[in-house]
Amino acid sequence: MRAKSVLIVVLAGMLAFSGCTTGGGLQSSPLAYGGLTDAGFRIPPVPIYKVDQKFHRQTVPYATNEAPGTIIVDTGAKFLYYVLGDGQALRYGIGVGKAGFEWHGTAHVARKREWPDWSAPSAMIVRERNRGHIIPAHMEGGLMNPLGARALYLFNEKGDTGYRLHGSPEWWSIGKAVSAGCIRLMNQDIIDLYDRADIGTKVIVI
């Protein structure tokens, strides 16, 4: 009996460490936020214990008529849902556009890029210059690039919306309205989403 009790305690400790929960249909895994090497870049670990657990990647109940594989972005709640079907979705925490930079609508993923380059819109360059900040017009892909480890480019019937689902090293910005309109995820999360979402994936931003 003693050995069995010890085994139960050990298993409980492992679940607590991994952040897994067995109730409510939720499964979060902070271990997924460890450091990793990707295309020669060393992505640092996220101190995930400093991020509200509701913004950890996890499977949640989610009722929708949208087909599996659809991405639904809830900018108000700061969540992105990847629809799995059978009343479930994979939920990611996100950072969204600050006041004046929001965008809502339906689009699709037209391009995907690993470690994408970033070019600053001319309006952003002027706006930041007026604030006394000089920003580069172009940045090669890398750890300091604003688009992070991956980017999904959103197009609609009019063409490029100018908005992206992308990574960010700024884990502390998740759950906040901080960006110039694009939807940001932690680098570990955008890599996971990138591997799931195909070209043509429907994206609904609400």
N, C-alpha and C. Protein backbone atom coordinates (compact mmCIF):
# COMPACT_ATOMS: atom_id res chain seq x y z
N MET A 1 0.83 -1.20 0.00
CA MET A 1 0.00 0.00 0.00
C MET A 1 0.87 1.25 0.00
N ARG A 2 2.00 1.18 0.73
CA ARG A 2 2.87 2.33 0.81
C ARG A 2 3.43 2.68 -0.58
N ALA A 3 3.85 1.67 -1.31
CA ALA A 3 4.41 1.90 -2.65
C ALA A 3 3.35 2.52 -3.56
N LYS A 4 2.13 2.03 -3.45
CA LYS A 4 1.05 2.56 -4.27
C LYS A 4 0.78 4.02 -3.94
N SER A 5 0.82 4.37 -2.65
CA SER A 5 0.58 5.74 -2.22
C SER A 5 1.67 6.66 -2.75
N VAL A 6 2.93 6.19 -2.70
CA VAL A 6 4.04 6.98 -3.21
C VAL A 6 3.88 7.24 -4.70
N LEU A 7 3.45 6.20 -5.45
CA LEU A 7 3.25 6.34 -6.89
C LEU A 7 2.19 7.39 -7.19
N ILE A 8 1.11 7.39 -6.43
CA ILE A 8 0.03 8.37 -6.63
C ILE A 8 0.54 9.78 -6.40
N VAL A 9 1.33 9.96 -5.33
CA VAL A 9 1.88 11.27 -5.02
C VAL A 9 2.80 11.75 -6.13
N VAL A 10 3.65 10.84 -6.64
CA VAL A 10 4.58 11.19 -7.71
C VAL A 10 3.82 11.61 -8.97
N LEU A 11 2.79 10.84 -9.34
CA LEU A 11 2.00 11.17 -10.52
C LEU A 11 1.30 12.51 -10.36
N ALA A 12 0.79 12.78 -9.18
CA ALA A 12 0.12 14.06 -8.93
C ALA A 12 1.11 15.21 -9.07
N GLY A 13 2.33 14.99 -8.58
CA GLY A 13 3.35 16.03 -8.70
C GLY A 13 3.71 16.29 -10.14
N MET A 14 3.78 15.23 -10.96
CA MET A 14 4.10 15.40 -12.37
C MET A 14 3.01 16.20 -13.08
N LEU A 15 1.75 15.95 -12.76
CA LEU A 15 0.66 16.69 -13.37
C LEU A 15 0.72 18.15 -12.97
N ALA A 16 1.02 18.42 -11.71
CA ALA A 16 1.10 19.80 -11.25
C ALA A 16 2.22 20.53 -11.95
N PHE A 17 3.36 19.85 -12.13
CA PHE A 17 4.50 20.48 -12.78
C PHE A 17 4.21 20.78 -14.24
N SER A 18 3.51 19.86 -14.91
CA SER A 18 3.23 20.05 -16.33
C SER A 18 2.10 21.03 -16.57
N GLY A 19 1.35 21.38 -15.51
CA GLY A 19 0.25 22.31 -15.67
C GLY A 19 -1.00 21.67 -16.20
N CYS A 20 -1.05 20.36 -16.28
CA CYS A 20 -2.23 19.69 -16.82
C CYS A 20 -3.33 19.69 -15.78
N THR A 21 -4.55 19.82 -16.25
CA THR A 21 -5.70 19.71 -15.37
C THR A 21 -6.62 18.65 -15.93
N THR A 22 -7.34 17.99 -15.06
CA THR A 22 -8.19 16.90 -15.51
C THR A 22 -9.66 17.26 -15.49
N GLY A 23 -10.00 18.47 -15.06
CA GLY A 23 -11.40 18.86 -15.00
C GLY A 23 -11.73 19.91 -16.05
N GLY A 24 -13.03 20.01 -16.40
CA GLY A 24 -13.49 21.07 -17.26
C GLY A 24 -13.06 20.96 -18.71
N GLY A 25 -12.46 19.86 -19.09
CA GLY A 25 -12.05 19.69 -20.47
C GLY A 25 -10.82 20.48 -20.86
N LEU A 26 -10.11 21.06 -19.88
CA LEU A 26 -8.96 21.88 -20.20
C LEU A 26 -7.68 21.07 -20.12
N GLN A 27 -6.76 21.34 -21.00
CA GLN A 27 -5.44 20.72 -20.96
C GLN A 27 -4.40 21.77 -21.34
N SER A 28 -3.73 22.34 -20.35
CA SER A 28 -2.67 23.29 -20.64
C SER A 28 -1.34 22.61 -20.39
N SER A 29 -0.32 23.04 -21.09
CA SER A 29 0.98 22.41 -20.96
C SER A 29 2.10 23.45 -20.96
N PRO A 30 2.40 24.03 -19.79
CA PRO A 30 3.49 25.00 -19.71
C PRO A 30 4.82 24.46 -20.20
N LEU A 31 5.02 23.14 -20.17
CA LEU A 31 6.27 22.57 -20.65
C LEU A 31 6.47 22.84 -22.14
N ALA A 32 5.37 23.16 -22.84
CA ALA A 32 5.46 23.47 -24.27
C ALA A 32 6.13 24.81 -24.52
N TYR A 33 6.40 25.56 -23.45
CA TYR A 33 6.98 26.89 -23.60
C TYR A 33 8.46 26.93 -23.25
N GLY A 34 9.11 25.79 -23.31
CA GLY A 34 10.55 25.74 -23.07
C GLY A 34 11.32 26.31 -24.26
N GLY A 35 12.62 26.51 -24.06
CA GLY A 35 13.46 27.00 -25.15
C GLY A 35 13.61 25.96 -26.24
N LEU A 36 13.85 26.40 -27.46
CA LEU A 36 14.05 25.48 -28.56
C LEU A 36 14.89 26.13 -29.65
N THR A 37 15.54 25.29 -30.43
CA THR A 37 16.32 25.78 -31.56
C THR A 37 15.52 25.54 -32.83
N ASP A 38 15.36 26.59 -33.64
CA ASP A 38 14.54 26.51 -34.83
C ASP A 38 15.25 27.26 -35.96
N ALA A 39 15.59 26.54 -37.03
CA ALA A 39 16.26 27.13 -38.19
C ALA A 39 17.52 27.90 -37.78
N GLY A 40 18.20 27.39 -36.78
CA GLY A 40 19.43 28.01 -36.34
C GLY A 40 19.26 29.11 -35.30
N PHE A 41 18.00 29.47 -35.00
CA PHE A 41 17.74 30.49 -33.99
C PHE A 41 17.38 29.80 -32.68
N ARG A 42 17.92 30.30 -31.59
CA ARG A 42 17.63 29.76 -30.27
C ARG A 42 16.53 30.59 -29.62
N ILE A 43 15.31 30.05 -29.64
CA ILE A 43 14.17 30.74 -29.03
C ILE A 43 14.22 30.52 -27.52
N PRO A 44 14.27 31.59 -26.74
CA PRO A 44 14.37 31.43 -25.29
C PRO A 44 13.08 30.90 -24.69
N PRO A 45 13.17 30.23 -23.54
CA PRO A 45 11.95 29.76 -22.89
C PRO A 45 11.11 30.92 -22.39
N VAL A 46 9.82 30.70 -22.32
CA VAL A 46 8.90 31.70 -21.76
C VAL A 46 8.70 31.38 -20.28
N PRO A 47 8.87 32.34 -19.38
CA PRO A 47 8.55 32.10 -17.97
C PRO A 47 7.03 32.03 -17.80
N ILE A 48 6.48 30.91 -18.24
CA ILE A 48 5.04 30.80 -18.42
C ILE A 48 4.26 30.96 -17.11
N TYR A 49 4.92 30.74 -15.99
CA TYR A 49 4.25 30.94 -14.70
C TYR A 49 3.91 32.41 -14.47
N LYS A 50 4.51 33.30 -15.26
CA LYS A 50 4.20 34.72 -15.15
C LYS A 50 3.06 35.14 -16.07
N VAL A 51 2.60 34.21 -16.91
CA VAL A 51 1.50 34.48 -17.83
C VAL A 51 0.23 33.85 -17.27
N ASP A 52 -0.84 34.63 -17.20
CA ASP A 52 -2.12 34.11 -16.70
C ASP A 52 -2.43 32.78 -17.39
N GLN A 53 -2.80 31.77 -16.60
CA GLN A 53 -3.00 30.43 -17.14
C GLN A 53 -4.05 30.38 -18.24
N LYS A 54 -5.00 31.31 -18.22
CA LYS A 54 -6.04 31.28 -19.27
C LYS A 54 -5.44 31.58 -20.64
N PHE A 55 -4.25 32.17 -20.67
CA PHE A 55 -3.61 32.48 -21.95
C PHE A 55 -2.61 31.41 -22.38
N HIS A 56 -2.49 30.33 -21.61
CA HIS A 56 -1.67 29.20 -22.04
C HIS A 56 -2.40 28.44 -23.14
N ARG A 57 -1.67 27.86 -24.04
CA ARG A 57 -2.27 27.02 -25.08
C ARG A 57 -2.99 25.84 -24.43
N GLN A 58 -4.26 25.63 -24.80
CA GLN A 58 -5.02 24.56 -24.17
C GLN A 58 -6.25 24.21 -24.99
N THR A 59 -6.72 22.98 -24.85
CA THR A 59 -7.94 22.52 -25.50
C THR A 59 -9.13 22.88 -24.63
N VAL A 60 -10.14 23.51 -25.23
CA VAL A 60 -11.30 23.97 -24.46
C VAL A 60 -12.59 23.61 -25.20
N PRO A 61 -13.70 23.50 -24.48
CA PRO A 61 -14.99 23.35 -25.15
C PRO A 61 -15.28 24.62 -25.95
N TYR A 62 -15.77 24.46 -27.18
CA TYR A 62 -16.05 25.64 -28.01
C TYR A 62 -17.13 25.29 -29.02
N ALA A 63 -18.28 25.92 -28.87
CA ALA A 63 -19.42 25.65 -29.75
C ALA A 63 -19.37 26.59 -30.94
N THR A 64 -19.35 26.04 -32.14
CA THR A 64 -19.34 26.84 -33.36
C THR A 64 -19.85 26.00 -34.52
N ASN A 65 -20.41 26.69 -35.51
CA ASN A 65 -20.83 26.00 -36.73
C ASN A 65 -19.73 26.00 -37.78
N GLU A 66 -18.60 26.64 -37.47
CA GLU A 66 -17.49 26.69 -38.42
C GLU A 66 -16.81 25.33 -38.51
N ALA A 67 -16.27 25.04 -39.67
CA ALA A 67 -15.64 23.74 -39.93
C ALA A 67 -14.33 23.61 -39.16
N PRO A 68 -13.95 22.37 -38.82
CA PRO A 68 -12.63 22.14 -38.21
C PRO A 68 -11.53 22.74 -39.08
N GLY A 69 -10.56 23.34 -38.44
CA GLY A 69 -9.48 23.99 -39.15
C GLY A 69 -9.66 25.49 -39.28
N THR A 70 -10.87 25.98 -38.98
CA THR A 70 -11.12 27.42 -39.02
C THR A 70 -10.43 28.10 -37.83
N ILE A 71 -9.92 29.30 -38.06
CA ILE A 71 -9.33 30.11 -37.00
C ILE A 71 -10.30 31.23 -36.66
N ILE A 72 -10.64 31.36 -35.39
CA ILE A 72 -11.51 32.43 -34.91
C ILE A 72 -10.75 33.24 -33.88
N VAL A 73 -10.64 34.55 -34.15
CA VAL A 73 -9.89 35.44 -33.27
C VAL A 73 -10.89 36.31 -32.50
N ASP A 74 -10.90 36.16 -31.19
CA ASP A 74 -11.76 36.97 -30.33
C ASP A 74 -10.90 38.07 -29.73
N THR A 75 -10.92 39.25 -30.36
CA THR A 75 -10.03 40.32 -29.92
C THR A 75 -10.42 40.86 -28.55
N GLY A 76 -11.72 40.80 -28.22
CA GLY A 76 -12.15 41.30 -26.92
C GLY A 76 -11.64 40.46 -25.77
N ALA A 77 -11.73 39.13 -25.93
CA ALA A 77 -11.28 38.22 -24.88
C ALA A 77 -9.79 37.94 -24.95
N LYS A 78 -9.13 38.34 -26.05
CA LYS A 78 -7.69 38.11 -26.26
C LYS A 78 -7.39 36.62 -26.42
N PHE A 79 -8.26 35.92 -27.18
CA PHE A 79 -8.07 34.51 -27.47
C PHE A 79 -8.11 34.26 -28.97
N LEU A 80 -7.33 33.30 -29.41
CA LEU A 80 -7.44 32.77 -30.77
C LEU A 80 -7.82 31.31 -30.66
N TYR A 81 -8.85 30.90 -31.42
CA TYR A 81 -9.33 29.52 -31.39
C TYR A 81 -9.03 28.85 -32.72
N TYR A 82 -8.45 27.67 -32.66
CA TYR A 82 -8.29 26.81 -33.83
C TYR A 82 -9.31 25.70 -33.65
N VAL A 83 -10.34 25.69 -34.51
CA VAL A 83 -11.47 24.77 -34.34
C VAL A 83 -11.04 23.34 -34.62
N LEU A 84 -11.29 22.45 -33.65
CA LEU A 84 -10.94 21.04 -33.77
C LEU A 84 -12.12 20.19 -34.20
N GLY A 85 -13.34 20.67 -33.94
CA GLY A 85 -14.54 19.88 -34.20
C GLY A 85 -15.00 19.18 -32.94
N ASP A 86 -16.17 18.57 -33.02
CA ASP A 86 -16.75 17.86 -31.88
C ASP A 86 -16.86 18.75 -30.65
N GLY A 87 -17.14 20.04 -30.88
CA GLY A 87 -17.36 20.96 -29.77
C GLY A 87 -16.10 21.37 -29.04
N GLN A 88 -14.94 21.25 -29.68
CA GLN A 88 -13.70 21.62 -29.03
C GLN A 88 -12.84 22.50 -29.94
N ALA A 89 -11.96 23.25 -29.31
CA ALA A 89 -11.01 24.08 -30.06
C ALA A 89 -9.73 24.18 -29.25
N LEU A 90 -8.66 24.44 -29.95
CA LEU A 90 -7.38 24.72 -29.31
C LEU A 90 -7.31 26.23 -29.14
N ARG A 91 -7.12 26.67 -27.91
CA ARG A 91 -7.16 28.10 -27.62
C ARG A 91 -5.76 28.63 -27.28
N TYR A 92 -5.43 29.76 -27.88
CA TYR A 92 -4.15 30.42 -27.63
C TYR A 92 -4.40 31.82 -27.08
N GLY A 93 -3.54 32.28 -26.20
CA GLY A 93 -3.59 33.67 -25.76
C GLY A 93 -2.95 34.56 -26.80
N ILE A 94 -3.47 35.77 -26.98
CA ILE A 94 -2.96 36.67 -28.00
C ILE A 94 -2.83 38.10 -27.47
N GLY A 95 -2.03 38.88 -28.17
CA GLY A 95 -2.01 40.32 -28.00
C GLY A 95 -2.67 40.92 -29.24
N VAL A 96 -3.42 42.00 -29.07
CA VAL A 96 -4.21 42.56 -30.18
C VAL A 96 -3.86 44.03 -30.40
N GLY A 97 -4.54 44.62 -31.41
CA GLY A 97 -4.29 46.01 -31.74
C GLY A 97 -4.78 46.96 -30.68
N LYS A 98 -3.98 47.99 -30.41
CA LYS A 98 -4.41 49.01 -29.46
C LYS A 98 -5.47 49.89 -30.09
N ALA A 99 -6.09 50.75 -29.28
CA ALA A 99 -7.18 51.60 -29.74
C ALA A 99 -6.78 52.35 -31.01
N GLY A 100 -7.65 52.27 -32.02
CA GLY A 100 -7.39 52.94 -33.28
C GLY A 100 -6.74 52.06 -34.33
N PHE A 101 -6.32 50.86 -33.93
CA PHE A 101 -5.64 49.97 -34.86
C PHE A 101 -6.37 48.63 -35.02
N GLU A 102 -7.59 48.54 -34.51
CA GLU A 102 -8.31 47.27 -34.56
C GLU A 102 -8.78 46.96 -35.98
N TRP A 103 -8.94 45.66 -36.24
CA TRP A 103 -9.52 45.22 -37.50
C TRP A 103 -10.41 44.02 -37.23
N HIS A 104 -11.57 43.99 -37.90
CA HIS A 104 -12.49 42.86 -37.77
C HIS A 104 -12.96 42.46 -39.16
N GLY A 105 -13.23 41.19 -39.33
CA GLY A 105 -13.73 40.73 -40.61
C GLY A 105 -13.36 39.28 -40.86
N THR A 106 -13.60 38.83 -42.08
CA THR A 106 -13.29 37.47 -42.49
C THR A 106 -12.22 37.50 -43.56
N ALA A 107 -11.25 36.64 -43.43
CA ALA A 107 -10.13 36.59 -44.37
C ALA A 107 -9.69 35.14 -44.51
N HIS A 108 -8.58 34.94 -45.19
CA HIS A 108 -8.01 33.60 -45.28
C HIS A 108 -6.49 33.71 -45.28
N VAL A 109 -5.84 32.63 -44.93
CA VAL A 109 -4.38 32.59 -44.94
C VAL A 109 -3.92 32.42 -46.38
N ALA A 110 -3.25 33.44 -46.91
CA ALA A 110 -2.80 33.38 -48.30
C ALA A 110 -1.32 33.05 -48.40
N ARG A 111 -0.55 33.38 -47.36
CA ARG A 111 0.87 33.08 -47.36
C ARG A 111 1.30 32.68 -45.95
N LYS A 112 2.35 31.88 -45.88
CA LYS A 112 2.95 31.49 -44.62
C LYS A 112 4.46 31.66 -44.74
N ARG A 113 5.09 32.17 -43.70
CA ARG A 113 6.52 32.36 -43.74
C ARG A 113 7.15 31.98 -42.40
N GLU A 114 8.27 31.27 -42.49
CA GLU A 114 9.08 30.99 -41.31
C GLU A 114 10.15 32.08 -41.19
N TRP A 115 10.31 32.61 -39.99
CA TRP A 115 11.27 33.69 -39.72
C TRP A 115 11.17 34.75 -40.81
N PRO A 116 10.00 35.37 -40.93
CA PRO A 116 9.77 36.33 -42.00
C PRO A 116 10.53 37.63 -41.83
N ASP A 117 10.82 38.27 -42.97
CA ASP A 117 11.31 39.64 -42.95
C ASP A 117 10.15 40.55 -42.54
N TRP A 118 10.49 41.76 -42.13
CA TRP A 118 9.45 42.73 -41.77
C TRP A 118 9.78 44.07 -42.40
N SER A 119 8.78 44.68 -43.04
CA SER A 119 8.93 46.02 -43.60
C SER A 119 7.93 46.93 -42.93
N ALA A 120 8.41 48.02 -42.40
CA ALA A 120 7.53 48.96 -41.69
C ALA A 120 6.68 49.74 -42.68
N PRO A 121 5.36 49.82 -42.47
CA PRO A 121 4.52 50.65 -43.33
C PRO A 121 4.99 52.10 -43.25
N SER A 122 4.87 52.80 -44.36
CA SER A 122 5.33 54.19 -44.39
C SER A 122 4.63 55.05 -43.35
N ALA A 123 3.34 54.78 -43.12
CA ALA A 123 2.61 55.55 -42.12
C ALA A 123 3.19 55.33 -40.73
N MET A 124 3.64 54.12 -40.45
CA MET A 124 4.24 53.82 -39.15
C MET A 124 5.58 54.55 -38.99
N ILE A 125 6.36 54.57 -40.05
CA ILE A 125 7.65 55.26 -39.99
C ILE A 125 7.45 56.74 -39.66
N VAL A 126 6.48 57.37 -40.33
CA VAL A 126 6.20 58.79 -40.10
C VAL A 126 5.65 59.00 -38.70
N ARG A 127 4.72 58.14 -38.29
CA ARG A 127 4.11 58.27 -36.97
C ARG A 127 5.15 58.17 -35.86
N GLU A 128 6.04 57.19 -35.97
CA GLU A 128 7.06 57.01 -34.95
C GLU A 128 8.10 58.13 -34.99
N ARG A 129 8.40 58.62 -36.18
CA ARG A 129 9.35 59.74 -36.28
C ARG A 129 8.79 60.97 -35.57
N ASN A 130 7.48 61.19 -35.72
CA ASN A 130 6.84 62.33 -35.06
C ASN A 130 6.87 62.19 -33.55
N ARG A 131 7.02 60.96 -33.09
CA ARG A 131 7.12 60.70 -31.64
C ARG A 131 8.56 60.70 -31.16
N GLY A 132 9.47 60.94 -32.09
CA GLY A 132 10.88 60.96 -31.72
C GLY A 132 11.57 59.62 -31.81
N HIS A 133 10.90 58.63 -32.44
CA HIS A 133 11.47 57.28 -32.58
C HIS A 133 11.84 57.02 -34.04
N ILE A 134 13.03 56.58 -34.27
CA ILE A 134 13.46 56.20 -35.61
C ILE A 134 13.45 54.68 -35.69
N ILE A 135 12.62 54.13 -36.58
CA ILE A 135 12.54 52.68 -36.73
C ILE A 135 13.06 52.30 -38.11
N PRO A 136 13.64 51.12 -38.24
CA PRO A 136 14.16 50.70 -39.54
C PRO A 136 13.02 50.44 -40.52
N ALA A 137 13.29 50.72 -41.79
CA ALA A 137 12.28 50.48 -42.81
C ALA A 137 12.13 48.99 -43.10
N HIS A 138 13.19 48.21 -42.81
CA HIS A 138 13.16 46.78 -43.12
C HIS A 138 14.04 46.03 -42.13
N MET A 139 13.60 44.86 -41.73
CA MET A 139 14.38 44.01 -40.84
C MET A 139 14.37 42.58 -41.37
N GLU A 140 15.54 41.96 -41.39
CA GLU A 140 15.63 40.55 -41.76
C GLU A 140 14.99 39.70 -40.66
N GLY A 141 14.58 38.48 -41.03
CA GLY A 141 14.02 37.57 -40.05
C GLY A 141 15.01 37.25 -38.95
N GLY A 142 14.53 37.10 -37.73
CA GLY A 142 15.41 36.80 -36.61
C GLY A 142 14.71 37.00 -35.28
N LEU A 143 15.44 36.81 -34.21
CA LEU A 143 14.86 36.85 -32.88
C LEU A 143 14.29 38.20 -32.51
N MET A 144 14.84 39.29 -33.06
CA MET A 144 14.37 40.63 -32.72
C MET A 144 13.36 41.17 -33.72
N ASN A 145 13.05 40.38 -34.75
CA ASN A 145 12.10 40.81 -35.76
C ASN A 145 10.69 40.90 -35.16
N PRO A 146 9.93 41.97 -35.45
CA PRO A 146 8.59 42.12 -34.88
C PRO A 146 7.61 41.01 -35.22
N LEU A 147 7.87 40.26 -36.32
CA LEU A 147 6.96 39.18 -36.69
C LEU A 147 7.32 37.84 -36.07
N GLY A 148 8.44 37.80 -35.33
CA GLY A 148 8.78 36.58 -34.61
C GLY A 148 9.13 35.41 -35.51
N ALA A 149 8.85 34.21 -35.00
CA ALA A 149 9.30 32.98 -35.65
C ALA A 149 8.46 32.57 -36.87
N ARG A 150 7.23 33.01 -36.94
CA ARG A 150 6.33 32.63 -38.03
C ARG A 150 5.34 33.77 -38.29
N ALA A 151 4.81 33.79 -39.51
CA ALA A 151 3.75 34.74 -39.83
C ALA A 151 2.77 34.09 -40.80
N LEU A 152 1.49 34.32 -40.56
CA LEU A 152 0.41 33.93 -41.45
C LEU A 152 -0.20 35.22 -41.98
N TYR A 153 -0.24 35.38 -43.31
CA TYR A 153 -0.65 36.62 -43.95
C TYR A 153 -2.12 36.54 -44.34
N LEU A 154 -2.91 37.51 -43.89
CA LEU A 154 -4.35 37.47 -44.10
C LEU A 154 -4.78 38.30 -45.31
N PHE A 155 -5.49 37.64 -46.21
CA PHE A 155 -6.04 38.30 -47.40
C PHE A 155 -7.56 38.13 -47.39
N ASN A 156 -8.25 39.07 -48.04
CA ASN A 156 -9.69 38.91 -48.27
C ASN A 156 -9.98 39.17 -49.75
N GLU A 157 -11.24 39.42 -50.08
CA GLU A 157 -11.59 39.58 -51.49
C GLU A 157 -10.94 40.82 -52.13
N LYS A 158 -10.47 41.74 -51.30
CA LYS A 158 -9.81 42.94 -51.81
C LYS A 158 -8.29 42.79 -51.90
N GLY A 159 -7.80 41.65 -51.42
CA GLY A 159 -6.35 41.43 -51.44
C GLY A 159 -5.77 41.43 -50.04
N ASP A 160 -4.52 41.83 -49.94
CA ASP A 160 -3.81 41.82 -48.67
C ASP A 160 -4.45 42.79 -47.69
N THR A 161 -4.87 42.28 -46.54
CA THR A 161 -5.47 43.14 -45.52
C THR A 161 -4.41 43.96 -44.78
N GLY A 162 -3.15 43.53 -44.86
CA GLY A 162 -2.10 44.19 -44.11
C GLY A 162 -1.96 43.65 -42.71
N TYR A 163 -2.83 42.70 -42.35
CA TYR A 163 -2.79 42.13 -41.00
C TYR A 163 -2.22 40.72 -41.01
N ARG A 164 -1.57 40.38 -39.93
CA ARG A 164 -0.88 39.10 -39.81
C ARG A 164 -1.21 38.44 -38.48
N LEU A 165 -1.11 37.12 -38.47
CA LEU A 165 -1.01 36.35 -37.24
C LEU A 165 0.47 36.02 -37.14
N HIS A 166 1.11 36.45 -36.08
CA HIS A 166 2.57 36.30 -36.05
C HIS A 166 3.08 36.06 -34.64
N GLY A 167 4.35 35.69 -34.58
CA GLY A 167 4.99 35.44 -33.30
C GLY A 167 5.55 36.70 -32.68
N SER A 168 5.94 36.57 -31.43
CA SER A 168 6.56 37.70 -30.73
C SER A 168 7.35 37.17 -29.54
N PRO A 169 8.54 37.74 -29.30
CA PRO A 169 9.29 37.38 -28.10
C PRO A 169 8.73 38.06 -26.85
N GLU A 170 7.82 39.01 -27.05
CA GLU A 170 7.29 39.80 -25.93
C GLU A 170 6.12 39.07 -25.26
N TRP A 171 6.45 38.00 -24.53
CA TRP A 171 5.42 37.18 -23.90
C TRP A 171 4.56 37.98 -22.93
N TRP A 172 5.13 39.05 -22.37
CA TRP A 172 4.40 39.85 -21.38
C TRP A 172 3.28 40.67 -22.02
N SER A 173 3.26 40.74 -23.37
CA SER A 173 2.23 41.51 -24.05
C SER A 173 0.98 40.69 -24.35
N ILE A 174 1.05 39.39 -24.12
CA ILE A 174 -0.10 38.52 -24.38
C ILE A 174 -1.23 38.86 -23.40
N GLY A 175 -2.43 39.01 -23.95
CA GLY A 175 -3.58 39.40 -23.12
C GLY A 175 -3.79 40.90 -23.07
N LYS A 176 -3.00 41.65 -23.86
CA LYS A 176 -3.09 43.10 -23.85
C LYS A 176 -3.34 43.65 -25.26
N ALA A 177 -3.79 44.90 -25.33
CA ALA A 177 -3.98 45.60 -26.59
C ALA A 177 -2.76 46.49 -26.79
N VAL A 178 -1.80 46.01 -27.57
CA VAL A 178 -0.50 46.68 -27.64
C VAL A 178 0.01 46.87 -29.07
N SER A 179 -0.51 46.12 -30.02
CA SER A 179 0.11 46.09 -31.35
C SER A 179 -0.47 47.17 -32.26
N ALA A 180 0.11 47.24 -33.47
CA ALA A 180 -0.39 48.17 -34.48
C ALA A 180 -1.48 47.51 -35.31
N GLY A 181 -2.18 46.56 -34.75
CA GLY A 181 -3.32 45.94 -35.41
C GLY A 181 -3.18 44.46 -35.63
N CYS A 182 -1.96 43.96 -35.82
CA CYS A 182 -1.78 42.53 -36.06
C CYS A 182 -2.01 41.72 -34.77
N ILE A 183 -2.24 40.43 -34.95
CA ILE A 183 -2.49 39.53 -33.83
C ILE A 183 -1.20 38.79 -33.52
N ARG A 184 -0.71 38.95 -32.30
CA ARG A 184 0.56 38.33 -31.92
C ARG A 184 0.35 37.18 -30.94
N LEU A 185 1.17 36.16 -31.08
CA LEU A 185 1.19 35.02 -30.17
C LEU A 185 2.62 34.83 -29.69
N MET A 186 2.79 34.11 -28.60
CA MET A 186 4.12 33.73 -28.18
C MET A 186 4.76 32.89 -29.28
N ASN A 187 6.07 32.99 -29.44
CA ASN A 187 6.73 32.27 -30.54
C ASN A 187 6.43 30.78 -30.52
N GLN A 188 6.41 30.18 -29.33
CA GLN A 188 6.12 28.74 -29.25
C GLN A 188 4.71 28.44 -29.75
N ASP A 189 3.78 29.38 -29.54
CA ASP A 189 2.40 29.17 -29.98
C ASP A 189 2.23 29.38 -31.48
N ILE A 190 2.90 30.39 -32.04
CA ILE A 190 2.74 30.61 -33.48
C ILE A 190 3.36 29.47 -34.27
N ILE A 191 4.42 28.85 -33.74
CA ILE A 191 5.00 27.69 -34.42
C ILE A 191 3.99 26.54 -34.44
N ASP A 192 3.30 26.34 -33.31
CA ASP A 192 2.29 25.29 -33.23
C ASP A 192 1.14 25.57 -34.19
N LEU A 193 0.65 26.82 -34.21
CA LEU A 193 -0.46 27.18 -35.09
C LEU A 193 -0.05 27.09 -36.55
N TYR A 194 1.16 27.52 -36.87
CA TYR A 194 1.67 27.48 -38.24
C TYR A 194 1.65 26.06 -38.80
N ASP A 195 2.00 25.10 -37.96
CA ASP A 195 2.04 23.71 -38.41
C ASP A 195 0.64 23.13 -38.61
N ARG A 196 -0.37 23.74 -38.01
CA ARG A 196 -1.74 23.25 -38.13
C ARG A 196 -2.51 23.92 -39.29
N ALA A 197 -2.25 25.20 -39.51
CA ALA A 197 -3.06 25.98 -40.45
C ALA A 197 -2.48 25.89 -41.87
N ASP A 198 -3.31 25.52 -42.82
CA ASP A 198 -2.90 25.42 -44.20
C ASP A 198 -3.18 26.71 -44.96
N ILE A 199 -2.57 26.85 -46.13
CA ILE A 199 -2.93 27.94 -47.03
C ILE A 199 -4.41 27.79 -47.37
N GLY A 200 -5.14 28.90 -47.31
CA GLY A 200 -6.58 28.86 -47.56
C GLY A 200 -7.41 28.78 -46.31
N THR A 201 -6.78 28.57 -45.15
CA THR A 201 -7.51 28.50 -43.88
C THR A 201 -8.38 29.74 -43.67
N LYS A 202 -9.62 29.54 -43.34
CA LYS A 202 -10.53 30.64 -43.06
C LYS A 202 -10.21 31.26 -41.70
N VAL A 203 -10.17 32.58 -41.66
CA VAL A 203 -9.88 33.31 -40.43
C VAL A 203 -10.99 34.32 -40.19
N ILE A 204 -11.61 34.24 -39.02
CA ILE A 204 -12.68 35.17 -38.64
C ILE A 204 -12.18 35.98 -37.45
N VAL A 205 -12.16 37.30 -37.60
CA VAL A 205 -11.73 38.17 -36.51
C VAL A 205 -12.95 38.91 -35.99
N ILE A 206 -13.27 38.71 -34.71
CA ILE A 206 -14.47 39.31 -34.12
C ILE A 206 -14.10 40.26 -33.00
